[in-house]
Amino acid sequence: MPNALIYVVDMAKREEYSVLKNFLAKAGYDVRTAIGSRDTNINYDVDLMDMPRDEVAELAEKFDLLALAGGYKIYYYVLRKKPPLKIWDLNIDVDKLNALVEQFFKSGKLLVAPLAVPGHLAQLGFLKGRDATVYPTTELVRILKDNGARFVNRQVVRDKNVITVKDVTAVGEKEFLSVFREAT
């Protein structure tokens, strides 16, 4: 059975993680969870906080797929905006996040990027010349286009080893799995 790692950056949009985990399990993956900060209140298998950067990158050797549940932290990080609530701390180890994403991307393994995460992948240059979708805000769509991606206004878009999802909490299971299965 192939295995998947979901890196939960933020739990603010609670359904994002659970729906993603459920969809990946239904696609036949043994799903494990990673966290990068203590403010993520879920059961996890991998703690990236205490792991050196090179070990984080090596996770690409152990897993067949990486999915990112970015929540509001990724949204505000991508937009370079300060969160509206003073109690929110973006608290993202971007160096480790990027090391993980880069290693999966370079090895040709599947990346699943819902909501604002495609904006981050675009900023890293991983969507240049590719079709992608993103949560439909003008700013996020502009980030895709400004970084060379072709915005496609669909719920789920697959281009090679990257699956982008407009809103994983709103897409139907059948639609997600049909596009997802094309990629495997």
Protein backbone atom coordinates (compact mmCIF):
# COMPACT_ATOMS: atom_id res chain seq x y z
CA MET A 1 0.00 0.00 0.00
CA PRO A 2 1.46 3.41 -0.91
CA ASN A 3 1.87 5.89 1.88
CA ALA A 4 1.07 9.57 2.18
CA LEU A 5 2.27 12.30 4.51
CA ILE A 6 -0.01 15.22 5.33
CA TYR A 7 1.91 18.16 6.72
CA VAL A 8 -0.60 20.10 8.80
CA VAL A 9 0.68 23.66 8.96
CA ASP A 10 -2.53 25.02 10.45
CA MET A 11 -5.78 23.63 11.82
CA ALA A 12 -7.80 26.87 11.66
CA LYS A 13 -9.89 25.46 8.81
CA ARG A 14 -10.51 22.18 10.63
CA GLU A 15 -12.26 20.29 7.85
CA GLU A 16 -9.30 20.77 5.50
CA TYR A 17 -7.16 18.16 7.26
CA SER A 18 -9.91 15.62 7.94
CA VAL A 19 -11.33 15.75 4.41
CA LEU A 20 -7.87 15.51 2.87
CA LYS A 21 -6.99 12.55 5.09
CA ASN A 22 -10.27 10.80 4.26
CA PHE A 23 -9.86 11.33 0.49
CA LEU A 24 -6.29 10.03 0.51
CA ALA A 25 -7.31 6.96 2.52
CA LYS A 26 -10.10 6.28 0.02
CA ALA A 27 -7.53 6.59 -2.77
CA GLY A 28 -5.69 3.67 -1.18
CA TYR A 29 -2.99 5.45 0.81
CA ASP A 30 -1.78 4.69 4.30
CA VAL A 31 -1.89 8.24 5.68
CA ARG A 32 0.51 9.66 8.27
CA THR A 33 0.47 13.16 9.72
CA ALA A 34 3.29 15.64 10.36
CA ILE A 35 3.27 18.86 12.35
CA GLY A 36 5.71 21.73 12.51
CA SER A 37 4.46 23.64 15.55
CA ARG A 38 2.89 22.91 18.90
CA ASP A 39 -0.20 25.02 18.16
CA THR A 40 -1.46 22.30 15.82
CA ASN A 41 -3.79 20.28 18.01
CA ILE A 42 -3.99 16.87 16.33
CA ASN A 43 -2.52 13.43 16.73
CA TYR A 44 0.61 13.20 14.63
CA ASP A 45 3.19 10.66 13.53
CA VAL A 46 6.05 12.96 12.53
CA ASP A 47 7.27 16.00 14.48
CA LEU A 48 9.18 18.31 12.15
CA MET A 49 10.04 20.76 14.94
CA ASP A 50 12.88 18.70 16.36
CA MET A 51 14.01 17.26 13.06
CA PRO A 52 17.04 18.75 11.25
CA ARG A 53 16.38 20.18 7.77
CA ASP A 54 18.22 17.34 5.97
CA GLU A 55 16.11 14.72 7.78
CA VAL A 56 12.95 16.62 6.81
CA ALA A 57 14.00 16.42 3.15
CA GLU A 58 14.67 12.69 3.54
CA LEU A 59 10.99 12.11 4.29
CA ALA A 60 10.48 12.15 0.52
CA GLU A 61 12.25 8.78 0.44
CA LYS A 62 9.78 7.28 2.93
CA PHE A 63 6.51 8.57 1.48
CA ASP A 64 4.90 8.39 -1.96
CA LEU A 65 2.83 11.55 -1.62
CA LEU A 66 2.92 14.84 0.27
CA ALA A 67 -0.25 16.80 0.97
CA LEU A 68 -0.23 20.18 2.69
CA ALA A 69 -3.02 21.42 4.94
CA GLY A 70 -2.01 25.06 5.17
CA GLY A 71 -5.05 26.72 6.66
CA TYR A 72 -4.91 30.43 7.33
CA LYS A 73 -1.20 30.43 8.14
CA ILE A 74 -0.27 29.63 4.55
CA TYR A 75 -2.90 32.03 3.25
CA TYR A 76 -1.46 34.98 5.17
CA TYR A 77 2.12 33.88 4.52
CA VAL A 78 1.56 33.67 0.75
CA LEU A 79 -0.15 37.05 0.68
CA ARG A 80 2.57 38.54 2.91
CA LYS A 81 -0.15 39.93 5.17
CA LYS A 82 -0.35 40.14 8.92
CA PRO A 83 -3.14 38.00 10.40
CA PRO A 84 -6.08 40.08 11.67
CA LEU A 85 -5.97 38.70 15.21
CA LYS A 86 -3.09 39.57 17.50
CA ILE A 87 -3.21 36.09 19.00
CA TRP A 88 -2.34 34.48 15.66
CA ASP A 89 1.29 33.71 15.09
CA LEU A 90 2.18 32.44 11.63
CA ASN A 91 4.82 30.23 13.28
CA ILE A 92 5.86 28.40 10.10
CA ASP A 93 9.35 26.99 9.72
CA VAL A 94 9.47 27.97 6.07
CA ASP A 95 12.94 26.48 5.61
CA LYS A 96 11.72 23.01 6.59
CA LEU A 97 8.45 23.40 4.69
CA ASN A 98 10.33 24.33 1.54
CA ALA A 99 12.90 21.54 1.98
CA LEU A 100 10.09 19.01 2.23
CA VAL A 101 8.13 20.36 -0.74
CA GLU A 102 11.25 20.73 -2.89
CA GLN A 103 12.39 17.16 -2.28
CA PHE A 104 8.98 15.68 -3.13
CA PHE A 105 8.73 17.88 -6.23
CA LYS A 106 12.24 17.08 -7.49
CA SER A 107 11.76 13.35 -6.93
CA GLY A 108 8.58 13.44 -9.04
CA LYS A 109 6.38 12.27 -6.21
CA LEU A 110 2.83 13.51 -5.88
CA LEU A 111 2.10 16.82 -4.19
CA VAL A 112 -1.47 17.67 -3.19
CA ALA A 113 -1.98 21.40 -2.63
CA PRO A 114 -5.39 22.69 -1.55
CA LEU A 115 -6.73 26.20 -0.98
CA ALA A 116 -3.87 28.78 -0.71
CA VAL A 117 -1.02 26.24 -0.89
CA PRO A 118 -0.83 26.44 -4.71
CA GLY A 119 0.11 30.10 -4.23
CA HIS A 120 3.11 29.04 -2.16
CA LEU A 121 4.12 26.41 -4.73
CA ALA A 122 3.85 29.08 -7.45
CA GLN A 123 6.06 31.46 -5.46
CA LEU A 124 8.65 28.68 -5.22
CA GLY A 125 8.55 28.31 -9.02
CA PHE A 126 7.08 24.80 -8.99
CA LEU A 127 3.98 25.69 -11.01
CA LYS A 128 5.68 27.63 -13.80
CA GLY A 129 4.22 26.50 -17.12
CA ARG A 130 1.68 24.24 -15.42
CA ASP A 131 -2.08 24.27 -15.07
CA ALA A 132 -3.25 24.89 -11.50
CA THR A 133 -6.17 26.06 -9.45
CA VAL A 134 -6.25 27.90 -6.14
CA TYR A 135 -8.79 29.20 -3.64
CA PRO A 136 -10.61 31.82 -5.75
CA THR A 137 -9.46 35.17 -4.43
CA THR A 138 -8.13 37.77 -6.83
CA GLU A 139 -4.83 37.96 -4.95
CA LEU A 140 -4.17 34.20 -5.03
CA VAL A 141 -5.11 33.88 -8.71
CA ARG A 142 -2.76 36.79 -9.48
CA ILE A 143 0.07 35.06 -7.58
CA LEU A 144 -0.36 31.96 -9.74
CA LYS A 145 -0.34 33.97 -12.95
CA ASP A 146 2.53 36.26 -11.88
CA ASN A 147 4.64 33.17 -11.22
CA GLY A 148 4.00 31.55 -14.60
CA ALA A 149 1.17 29.14 -13.76
CA ARG A 150 -1.94 28.87 -15.92
CA PHE A 151 -4.97 29.35 -13.68
CA VAL A 152 -7.74 26.85 -14.40
CA ASN A 153 -11.09 27.55 -12.76
CA ARG A 154 -11.91 23.97 -11.72
CA GLN A 155 -12.20 22.31 -8.33
CA VAL A 156 -9.29 19.93 -8.89
CA VAL A 157 -6.48 20.26 -11.42
CA ARG A 158 -3.70 17.79 -12.07
CA ASP A 159 -0.56 18.65 -13.99
CA LYS A 160 2.14 15.98 -13.85
CA ASN A 161 2.97 15.30 -10.19
CA VAL A 162 1.06 18.26 -8.70
CA ILE A 163 -2.62 18.15 -7.82
CA THR A 164 -4.07 21.53 -6.88
CA VAL A 165 -7.47 21.81 -5.23
CA LYS A 166 -9.57 24.98 -5.11
CA ASP A 167 -11.29 24.10 -1.83
CA VAL A 168 -10.86 20.55 -0.56
CA THR A 169 -13.77 21.06 1.85
CA ALA A 170 -16.15 21.86 -1.02
CA VAL A 171 -15.05 19.41 -3.69
CA GLY A 172 -16.93 16.17 -4.05
CA GLU A 173 -15.18 12.95 -3.18
CA LYS A 174 -15.87 11.46 -6.60
CA GLU A 175 -14.44 14.53 -8.39
CA PHE A 176 -11.32 14.55 -6.21
CA LEU A 177 -10.69 10.84 -6.57
CA SER A 178 -11.25 10.78 -10.35
CA VAL A 179 -8.59 13.43 -10.96
CA PHE A 180 -6.40 11.95 -8.26
CA ARG A 181 -6.49 8.47 -9.73
CA GLU A 182 -5.38 9.86 -13.10
CA ALA A 183 -2.16 10.95 -11.38
CA THR A 184 -1.30 7.56 -9.91
